[in-house]
């Protein structure tokens, strides 16, 4: 289902202008990422788009997300690590995925001098009181 939505969105972006509107340069599109999602209740789906900006040297405390998250970096570089996965640095145009309830152990700006911004797309199958919560205690 998610891949169908991504392909449909890409096709919408690539539609040529309507006759009579002039001839602006054609838009281009490409799929940045496609990720299989966990089983969700499709009758209650909710998508939330959040823009996150870290100041130079900014970090967030370890946390978890109750929903699947796709991230897309639009400026700067971010350092990310979900518990059990590799520490990675993402730059503009790159994306990352976080499974529901994974512990986001590292979430930080990779630069001490420049801000970093990414967009996080949350796919939830129920209304959530918060999109970020403290990690579970073990």
N, C-alpha and C. Protein backbone atom coordinates (compact mmCIF):
# COMPACT_ATOMS: atom_id res chain seq x y z
N UNK A 1 0.83 -1.19 0.00
CA UNK A 1 0.00 0.00 0.00
C UNK A 1 0.87 1.25 0.00
N UNK A 2 1.92 1.28 0.87
CA UNK A 2 2.78 2.46 0.96
C UNK A 2 3.48 2.71 -0.37
N UNK A 3 3.99 1.63 -1.01
CA UNK A 3 4.67 1.81 -2.29
C UNK A 3 3.74 2.36 -3.34
N UNK A 4 2.48 1.95 -3.31
CA UNK A 4 1.50 2.48 -4.25
C UNK A 4 1.35 3.97 -4.04
N UNK A 5 1.28 4.42 -2.78
CA UNK A 5 1.15 5.85 -2.49
C UNK A 5 2.37 6.62 -2.95
N UNK A 6 3.56 6.07 -2.75
CA UNK A 6 4.78 6.75 -3.18
C UNK A 6 4.80 6.89 -4.69
N UNK A 7 4.46 5.82 -5.40
CA UNK A 7 4.45 5.87 -6.87
C UNK A 7 3.38 6.84 -7.34
N UNK A 8 2.20 6.84 -6.72
CA UNK A 8 1.14 7.77 -7.12
C UNK A 8 1.58 9.21 -6.89
N UNK A 9 2.24 9.48 -5.78
CA UNK A 9 2.73 10.84 -5.51
C UNK A 9 3.77 11.24 -6.54
N UNK A 10 4.65 10.33 -6.91
CA UNK A 10 5.68 10.65 -7.90
C UNK A 10 5.04 10.95 -9.25
N UNK A 11 4.01 10.21 -9.61
CA UNK A 11 3.33 10.46 -10.88
C UNK A 11 2.64 11.81 -10.87
N UNK A 12 2.05 12.20 -9.74
CA UNK A 12 1.39 13.50 -9.65
C UNK A 12 2.39 14.64 -9.84
N UNK A 13 3.58 14.50 -9.29
CA UNK A 13 4.59 15.53 -9.41
C UNK A 13 5.04 15.68 -10.85
N UNK A 14 5.06 14.58 -11.60
CA UNK A 14 5.60 14.60 -12.96
C UNK A 14 4.57 14.96 -14.02
N UNK A 15 3.34 15.31 -13.65
CA UNK A 15 2.31 15.66 -14.62
C UNK A 15 2.67 16.97 -15.31
N UNK A 16 2.58 17.02 -16.65
CA UNK A 16 2.94 18.24 -17.37
C UNK A 16 1.93 19.35 -17.12
N UNK A 17 2.30 20.62 -17.38
CA UNK A 17 1.38 21.72 -17.16
C UNK A 17 0.16 21.61 -18.08
N UNK A 18 -0.95 22.18 -17.65
CA UNK A 18 -2.18 22.20 -18.43
C UNK A 18 -2.00 23.15 -19.61
N UNK A 19 -2.55 22.78 -20.76
CA UNK A 19 -2.44 23.62 -21.96
C UNK A 19 -2.93 25.02 -21.65
N UNK A 20 -2.23 26.01 -22.17
CA UNK A 20 -2.61 27.40 -21.97
C UNK A 20 -1.95 28.04 -20.76
N UNK A 21 -1.21 27.28 -19.98
CA UNK A 21 -0.57 27.83 -18.79
C UNK A 21 0.89 28.18 -19.05
N UNK A 22 1.30 28.21 -20.27
CA UNK A 22 2.70 28.49 -20.55
C UNK A 22 3.49 27.21 -20.58
N UNK A 23 4.77 27.34 -20.72
CA UNK A 23 5.63 26.17 -20.80
C UNK A 23 6.77 26.25 -19.79
N UNK A 24 6.45 26.19 -18.50
CA UNK A 24 7.55 26.18 -17.53
C UNK A 24 8.34 24.89 -17.66
N UNK A 25 9.53 24.91 -17.10
CA UNK A 25 10.37 23.70 -17.13
C UNK A 25 9.61 22.56 -16.47
N UNK A 26 9.74 21.38 -17.03
CA UNK A 26 9.06 20.21 -16.49
C UNK A 26 9.64 19.84 -15.13
N UNK A 27 8.77 19.42 -14.24
CA UNK A 27 9.20 18.95 -12.93
C UNK A 27 9.85 17.58 -13.08
N UNK A 28 10.75 17.27 -12.20
CA UNK A 28 11.32 15.93 -12.19
C UNK A 28 11.03 15.31 -10.83
N UNK A 29 11.03 14.01 -10.78
CA UNK A 29 10.80 13.34 -9.52
C UNK A 29 11.57 12.03 -9.49
N UNK A 30 11.84 11.57 -8.29
CA UNK A 30 12.46 10.26 -8.11
C UNK A 30 12.06 9.74 -6.74
N UNK A 31 11.99 8.45 -6.61
CA UNK A 31 11.65 7.85 -5.32
C UNK A 31 12.90 7.90 -4.46
N UNK A 32 12.79 8.51 -3.31
CA UNK A 32 13.91 8.62 -2.38
C UNK A 32 14.08 7.33 -1.62
N UNK A 33 12.98 6.77 -1.16
CA UNK A 33 13.03 5.52 -0.41
C UNK A 33 11.67 4.85 -0.48
N UNK A 34 11.65 3.55 -0.31
CA UNK A 34 10.41 2.79 -0.17
C UNK A 34 10.65 1.81 0.96
N UNK A 35 9.74 1.77 1.89
CA UNK A 35 9.93 0.96 3.09
C UNK A 35 8.65 0.19 3.38
N UNK A 36 8.73 -1.12 3.53
CA UNK A 36 7.58 -1.90 3.97
C UNK A 36 7.25 -1.46 5.39
N UNK A 37 5.98 -1.31 5.68
CA UNK A 37 5.54 -0.88 7.00
C UNK A 37 4.99 -2.07 7.79
N UNK A 38 4.98 -1.95 9.11
CA UNK A 38 4.39 -3.02 9.91
C UNK A 38 2.88 -3.08 9.64
N UNK A 39 2.26 -4.15 10.03
CA UNK A 39 0.82 -4.29 9.86
C UNK A 39 0.12 -3.17 10.63
N UNK A 40 -0.76 -2.46 9.93
CA UNK A 40 -1.47 -1.34 10.53
C UNK A 40 -2.97 -1.49 10.31
N UNK A 41 -3.77 -0.88 11.18
CA UNK A 41 -5.22 -0.85 11.02
C UNK A 41 -5.56 0.28 10.06
N UNK A 42 -5.84 -0.05 8.82
CA UNK A 42 -6.08 0.95 7.79
C UNK A 42 -7.30 1.82 8.00
N UNK A 43 -8.20 1.44 8.89
CA UNK A 43 -9.39 2.26 9.13
C UNK A 43 -9.09 3.46 10.02
N UNK A 44 -7.92 3.48 10.65
CA UNK A 44 -7.60 4.57 11.57
C UNK A 44 -6.26 5.23 11.27
N UNK A 45 -5.75 5.08 10.05
CA UNK A 45 -4.43 5.62 9.73
C UNK A 45 -4.38 7.13 9.85
N UNK A 46 -3.27 7.60 10.37
CA UNK A 46 -3.02 9.03 10.46
C UNK A 46 -1.56 9.27 10.11
N UNK A 47 -1.33 10.22 9.23
CA UNK A 47 0.03 10.59 8.85
C UNK A 47 0.32 11.97 9.41
N UNK A 48 1.50 12.14 9.95
CA UNK A 48 1.92 13.42 10.51
C UNK A 48 3.30 13.75 9.97
N UNK A 49 3.46 14.95 9.48
CA UNK A 49 4.74 15.41 8.94
C UNK A 49 5.30 16.45 9.91
N UNK A 50 6.52 16.22 10.38
CA UNK A 50 7.15 17.10 11.37
C UNK A 50 8.50 17.57 10.83
N UNK A 51 8.75 18.88 10.88
CA UNK A 51 10.07 19.40 10.51
C UNK A 51 10.87 19.58 11.79
N UNK A 52 12.06 19.00 11.82
CA UNK A 52 12.93 19.05 13.00
C UNK A 52 14.20 19.81 12.62
N UNK A 53 14.54 20.83 13.41
CA UNK A 53 15.77 21.58 13.18
C UNK A 53 16.63 21.53 14.43
N UNK A 54 17.86 21.05 14.24
CA UNK A 54 18.85 21.05 15.31
C UNK A 54 19.73 22.29 15.14
N UNK A 55 19.96 23.04 16.21
CA UNK A 55 20.96 24.11 16.11
C UNK A 55 22.35 23.49 16.02
N UNK A 56 23.37 24.26 15.71
CA UNK A 56 24.73 23.71 15.69
C UNK A 56 25.02 22.97 17.00
N UNK A 57 25.51 21.75 16.89
CA UNK A 57 25.82 20.96 18.08
C UNK A 57 24.61 20.41 18.81
N UNK A 58 23.41 20.62 18.30
CA UNK A 58 22.18 20.20 18.98
C UNK A 58 22.01 18.69 19.03
N UNK A 59 21.41 18.22 20.09
CA UNK A 59 21.14 16.79 20.28
C UNK A 59 19.76 16.63 20.91
N UNK A 60 19.19 15.44 20.78
CA UNK A 60 17.98 15.12 21.53
C UNK A 60 18.29 13.94 22.44
N UNK A 61 17.56 13.87 23.54
CA UNK A 61 17.74 12.76 24.47
C UNK A 61 17.26 11.47 23.82
N UNK A 62 17.77 10.32 24.26
CA UNK A 62 17.26 9.06 23.73
C UNK A 62 15.73 9.01 23.87
N UNK A 63 15.08 8.48 22.86
CA UNK A 63 13.62 8.45 22.85
C UNK A 63 13.14 7.32 21.95
N UNK A 64 11.83 7.16 21.89
CA UNK A 64 11.21 6.14 21.06
C UNK A 64 10.00 6.78 20.38
N UNK A 65 9.58 6.20 19.26
CA UNK A 65 8.39 6.65 18.56
C UNK A 65 7.41 5.49 18.48
N UNK A 66 6.15 5.68 18.85
CA UNK A 66 5.19 4.58 18.80
C UNK A 66 4.75 4.23 17.38
N UNK A 67 5.15 5.03 16.39
CA UNK A 67 4.75 4.83 14.99
C UNK A 67 5.99 4.65 14.11
N UNK A 68 5.76 4.11 12.92
CA UNK A 68 6.84 4.03 11.93
C UNK A 68 7.19 5.44 11.47
N UNK A 69 8.50 5.69 11.27
CA UNK A 69 8.96 7.03 10.89
C UNK A 69 9.90 6.92 9.68
N UNK A 70 9.64 7.74 8.68
CA UNK A 70 10.57 7.94 7.57
C UNK A 70 11.10 9.35 7.71
N UNK A 71 12.42 9.51 7.63
CA UNK A 71 13.04 10.84 7.74
C UNK A 71 13.73 11.20 6.44
N UNK A 72 13.76 12.50 6.14
CA UNK A 72 14.40 13.01 4.92
C UNK A 72 15.15 14.28 5.28
N UNK A 73 16.45 14.27 5.10
CA UNK A 73 17.29 15.42 5.47
C UNK A 73 17.21 16.48 4.37
N UNK A 74 16.94 17.72 4.79
CA UNK A 74 16.85 18.81 3.82
C UNK A 74 17.97 19.83 3.96
N UNK A 75 18.67 19.84 5.11
CA UNK A 75 19.77 20.79 5.29
C UNK A 75 20.72 20.27 6.36
N UNK A 76 22.01 20.46 6.13
CA UNK A 76 23.01 20.05 7.12
C UNK A 76 23.24 18.55 7.12
N UNK A 77 23.68 18.04 8.26
CA UNK A 77 23.94 16.61 8.42
C UNK A 77 23.49 16.19 9.81
N UNK A 78 22.83 15.04 9.89
CA UNK A 78 22.36 14.53 11.17
C UNK A 78 22.98 13.17 11.44
N UNK A 79 23.30 12.95 12.70
CA UNK A 79 23.85 11.67 13.17
C UNK A 79 22.71 10.91 13.82
N UNK A 80 22.46 9.68 13.38
CA UNK A 80 21.34 8.89 13.89
C UNK A 80 21.79 7.48 14.21
N UNK A 81 21.19 6.93 15.26
CA UNK A 81 21.39 5.51 15.57
C UNK A 81 20.18 5.01 16.32
N UNK A 82 19.58 3.96 15.78
CA UNK A 82 18.51 3.26 16.48
C UNK A 82 19.18 2.07 17.15
N UNK A 83 18.84 1.83 18.41
CA UNK A 83 19.47 0.76 19.18
C UNK A 83 19.54 -0.54 18.38
N UNK A 84 20.73 -1.11 18.33
CA UNK A 84 20.96 -2.34 17.58
C UNK A 84 21.40 -2.11 16.15
N UNK A 85 21.34 -0.86 15.68
CA UNK A 85 21.74 -0.54 14.31
C UNK A 85 23.02 0.27 14.30
N UNK A 86 23.54 0.54 13.11
CA UNK A 86 24.79 1.30 13.01
C UNK A 86 24.59 2.79 13.27
N UNK A 87 25.63 3.46 13.71
CA UNK A 87 25.63 4.91 13.81
C UNK A 87 25.82 5.43 12.38
N UNK A 88 24.93 6.30 11.92
CA UNK A 88 24.98 6.80 10.54
C UNK A 88 24.88 8.31 10.51
N UNK A 89 25.45 8.90 9.48
CA UNK A 89 25.32 10.34 9.24
C UNK A 89 24.57 10.49 7.92
N UNK A 90 23.50 11.28 7.95
CA UNK A 90 22.68 11.52 6.76
C UNK A 90 22.81 12.98 6.36
N UNK A 91 22.89 13.21 5.05
CA UNK A 91 23.05 14.55 4.49
C UNK A 91 21.87 14.86 3.58
N UNK A 92 21.76 16.10 3.09
CA UNK A 92 20.60 16.47 2.27
C UNK A 92 20.33 15.49 1.14
N UNK A 93 19.05 15.11 1.03
CA UNK A 93 18.62 14.17 0.00
C UNK A 93 18.63 12.73 0.46
N UNK A 94 19.20 12.44 1.63
CA UNK A 94 19.22 11.07 2.14
C UNK A 94 18.06 10.87 3.11
N UNK A 95 17.67 9.61 3.27
CA UNK A 95 16.55 9.29 4.14
C UNK A 95 16.91 8.17 5.10
N UNK A 96 16.07 8.02 6.13
CA UNK A 96 16.26 6.94 7.10
C UNK A 96 14.90 6.45 7.56
N UNK A 97 14.87 5.27 8.16
CA UNK A 97 13.65 4.65 8.65
C UNK A 97 13.84 4.25 10.11
N UNK A 98 12.78 4.43 10.88
CA UNK A 98 12.76 3.96 12.26
C UNK A 98 11.50 3.13 12.46
N UNK A 99 11.67 1.88 12.89
CA UNK A 99 10.53 1.01 13.17
C UNK A 99 9.81 1.50 14.43
N UNK A 100 8.53 1.22 14.55
CA UNK A 100 7.80 1.61 15.75
C UNK A 100 8.45 1.06 17.01
N UNK A 101 8.53 1.88 18.03
CA UNK A 101 9.02 1.52 19.36
C UNK A 101 10.50 1.19 19.42
N UNK A 102 11.25 1.45 18.36
CA UNK A 102 12.70 1.30 18.41
C UNK A 102 13.28 2.43 19.27
N UNK A 103 14.35 2.16 19.96
CA UNK A 103 14.97 3.19 20.79
C UNK A 103 15.93 4.01 19.93
N UNK A 104 15.62 5.28 19.79
CA UNK A 104 16.44 6.21 19.01
C UNK A 104 17.53 6.69 19.97
N UNK A 105 18.64 5.96 20.00
CA UNK A 105 19.71 6.21 20.97
C UNK A 105 20.50 7.47 20.65
N UNK A 106 20.73 7.76 19.36
CA UNK A 106 21.47 8.96 18.95
C UNK A 106 20.64 9.71 17.93
N UNK A 107 20.44 10.99 18.18
CA UNK A 107 19.76 11.88 17.25
C UNK A 107 20.40 13.25 17.48
N UNK A 108 21.26 13.66 16.54
CA UNK A 108 22.05 14.86 16.78
C UNK A 108 22.47 15.53 15.48
N UNK A 109 22.79 16.80 15.59
CA UNK A 109 23.40 17.52 14.48
C UNK A 109 24.85 17.05 14.40
N UNK A 110 25.31 16.73 13.20
CA UNK A 110 26.68 16.27 13.03
C UNK A 110 27.67 17.44 12.98
N UNK A 111 27.15 18.67 12.94
CA UNK A 111 28.01 19.86 12.84
C UNK A 111 27.93 20.70 14.11
N UNK A 112 29.05 21.26 14.49
CA UNK A 112 29.11 22.19 15.63
C UNK A 112 28.93 23.64 15.17
N UNK A 113 28.86 23.87 13.85
CA UNK A 113 28.81 25.25 13.34
C UNK A 113 27.60 25.57 12.47
N UNK A 114 26.93 24.55 11.91
CA UNK A 114 25.80 24.76 11.00
C UNK A 114 24.55 24.06 11.53
N UNK A 115 23.36 24.65 11.32
CA UNK A 115 22.13 23.95 11.71
C UNK A 115 21.86 22.77 10.79
N UNK A 116 20.99 21.88 11.21
CA UNK A 116 20.58 20.72 10.39
C UNK A 116 19.07 20.58 10.51
N UNK A 117 18.42 20.28 9.38
CA UNK A 117 16.96 20.13 9.36
C UNK A 117 16.59 18.86 8.61
N UNK A 118 15.64 18.12 9.18
CA UNK A 118 15.07 16.98 8.48
C UNK A 118 13.57 16.98 8.67
N UNK A 119 12.89 16.28 7.79
CA UNK A 119 11.44 16.12 7.88
C UNK A 119 11.18 14.69 8.30
N UNK A 120 10.33 14.51 9.31
CA UNK A 120 9.96 13.18 9.79
C UNK A 120 8.50 12.93 9.44
N UNK A 121 8.24 11.81 8.76
CA UNK A 121 6.90 11.43 8.35
C UNK A 121 6.47 10.24 9.20
N UNK A 122 5.51 10.47 10.10
CA UNK A 122 5.01 9.44 11.01
C UNK A 122 3.77 8.80 10.42
N UNK A 123 3.71 7.47 10.39
CA UNK A 123 2.53 6.74 9.95
C UNK A 123 2.01 5.97 11.15
N UNK A 124 0.85 6.38 11.66
CA UNK A 124 0.29 5.79 12.88
C UNK A 124 -1.08 5.19 12.57
N UNK A 125 -1.43 4.12 13.28
CA UNK A 125 -2.75 3.54 13.07
C UNK A 125 -3.70 3.83 14.22
N UNK A 126 -3.35 4.80 15.03
CA UNK A 126 -4.24 5.28 16.08
C UNK A 126 -3.77 6.66 16.51
N UNK A 127 -4.65 7.41 17.12
CA UNK A 127 -4.29 8.75 17.60
C UNK A 127 -3.29 8.59 18.74
N UNK A 128 -2.16 9.27 18.62
CA UNK A 128 -1.11 9.18 19.63
C UNK A 128 -1.09 10.44 20.48
N UNK A 129 -0.98 10.30 21.79
CA UNK A 129 -0.87 11.49 22.63
C UNK A 129 0.45 12.22 22.41
N UNK A 130 1.49 11.47 22.01
CA UNK A 130 2.80 12.06 21.73
C UNK A 130 3.49 11.21 20.68
N UNK A 131 4.22 11.87 19.79
CA UNK A 131 4.95 11.15 18.75
C UNK A 131 6.33 10.69 19.21
N UNK A 132 6.86 11.31 20.26
CA UNK A 132 8.13 10.91 20.86
C UNK A 132 7.90 10.67 22.34
N UNK A 133 8.41 9.56 22.83
CA UNK A 133 8.24 9.20 24.24
C UNK A 133 9.58 8.72 24.79
N UNK A 134 9.75 8.73 26.12
CA UNK A 134 10.99 8.19 26.69
C UNK A 134 11.16 6.72 26.29
N UNK A 135 12.40 6.26 26.17
CA UNK A 135 12.60 4.85 25.82
C UNK A 135 12.08 3.96 26.92
N UNK A 136 11.64 2.75 26.56
CA UNK A 136 11.16 1.82 27.60
C UNK A 136 12.29 1.46 28.56
N UNK A 137 11.95 1.26 29.80
CA UNK A 137 12.96 0.81 30.79
C UNK A 137 13.12 -0.68 30.66
N UNK A 138 14.33 -1.13 30.81
CA UNK A 138 14.60 -2.57 30.67
C UNK A 138 15.05 -3.14 31.99
